[in-house]
């Protein structure tokens, strides 16, 4: 399983749990909808942050691989 799929699965699980917790909590409909929107926005921010981290790591791996290829070609 790739890192992206794992991150997406975790984020989806957290979002589903948060929404179910809010829906079953005793609160007015207006308050519940506000909480759902707030949790959604937080989840989107968290997912974007995770994706930025993964993207940064992938870029670092690409640069390292390019250096290794250049070193290998230089030795050949």
Protein backbone atom coordinates (compact mmCIF):
# COMPACT_ATOMS: atom_id res chain seq x y z
CA UNK A 1 0.00 0.00 0.00
CA UNK A 2 1.41 3.39 -0.93
CA UNK A 3 1.95 6.20 1.54
CA UNK A 4 -0.68 8.33 -0.18
CA UNK A 5 -3.33 5.65 0.22
CA UNK A 6 -2.45 5.19 3.88
CA UNK A 7 -2.66 8.93 4.56
CA UNK A 8 -5.97 9.18 2.71
CA UNK A 9 -7.38 6.18 4.60
CA UNK A 10 -6.40 7.64 7.96
CA UNK A 11 -7.83 11.04 7.08
CA UNK A 12 -11.10 9.47 5.88
CA UNK A 13 -11.38 7.45 9.09
CA UNK A 14 -10.78 10.49 11.26
CA UNK A 15 -13.33 12.52 9.30
CA UNK A 16 -15.95 9.77 9.47
CA UNK A 17 -15.43 9.35 13.21
CA UNK A 18 -15.68 13.08 13.83
CA UNK A 19 -18.87 13.40 11.78
CA UNK A 20 -20.51 10.42 13.49
CA UNK A 21 -19.54 11.79 16.89
CA UNK A 22 -21.09 15.14 16.07
CA UNK A 23 -24.25 13.62 14.59
CA UNK A 24 -24.94 11.52 17.68
CA UNK A 25 -24.16 14.31 20.14
CA UNK A 26 -27.17 16.10 21.63
CA UNK A 27 -27.08 19.55 20.01
CA UNK A 28 -29.27 21.79 17.88
CA UNK A 29 -29.23 21.23 14.13
CA UNK A 30 -27.66 24.61 13.47
CA UNK A 31 -24.85 23.92 15.94
CA UNK A 32 -24.32 20.46 14.50
CA UNK A 33 -24.04 21.80 10.95
CA UNK A 34 -21.53 24.43 12.08
CA UNK A 35 -19.45 21.76 13.79
CA UNK A 36 -19.56 19.55 10.70
CA UNK A 37 -18.35 22.43 8.50
CA UNK A 38 -15.61 23.25 11.01
CA UNK A 39 -14.44 19.62 11.19
CA UNK A 40 -14.52 19.36 7.40
CA UNK A 41 -12.34 22.44 7.08
CA UNK A 42 -9.91 21.07 9.69
CA UNK A 43 -9.76 17.73 7.87
CA UNK A 44 -9.06 19.46 4.54
CA UNK A 45 -6.27 21.47 6.15
CA UNK A 46 -4.78 18.32 7.70
CA UNK A 47 -4.94 16.43 4.40
CA UNK A 48 -3.29 19.32 2.55
CA UNK A 49 -0.52 19.44 5.15
CA UNK A 50 0.05 15.68 4.85
CA UNK A 51 0.14 15.90 1.07
CA UNK A 52 2.67 18.74 1.23
CA UNK A 53 4.87 16.61 3.49
CA UNK A 54 4.62 13.61 1.17
CA UNK A 55 5.31 15.79 -1.86
CA UNK A 56 8.39 17.26 -0.18
CA UNK A 57 9.70 13.81 0.64
CA UNK A 58 9.11 12.64 -2.93
CA UNK A 59 11.00 15.64 -4.29
CA UNK A 60 13.92 14.86 -1.98
CA UNK A 61 13.96 11.24 -3.18
CA UNK A 62 13.89 12.38 -6.82
CA UNK A 63 16.85 14.71 -6.25
CA UNK A 64 18.79 11.97 -4.47
CA UNK A 65 18.05 9.51 -7.28
CA UNK A 66 19.18 12.03 -9.88
CA UNK A 67 22.46 12.56 -7.99
CA UNK A 68 22.99 8.82 -7.78
CA UNK A 69 22.43 8.45 -11.53
CA UNK A 70 24.86 11.30 -12.25
CA UNK A 71 27.48 9.73 -9.97
CA UNK A 72 26.99 6.36 -11.62
CA UNK A 73 27.35 7.84 -15.10
CA UNK A 74 30.45 9.73 -14.05
CA UNK A 75 32.02 6.49 -12.79
CA UNK A 76 31.18 4.66 -16.00
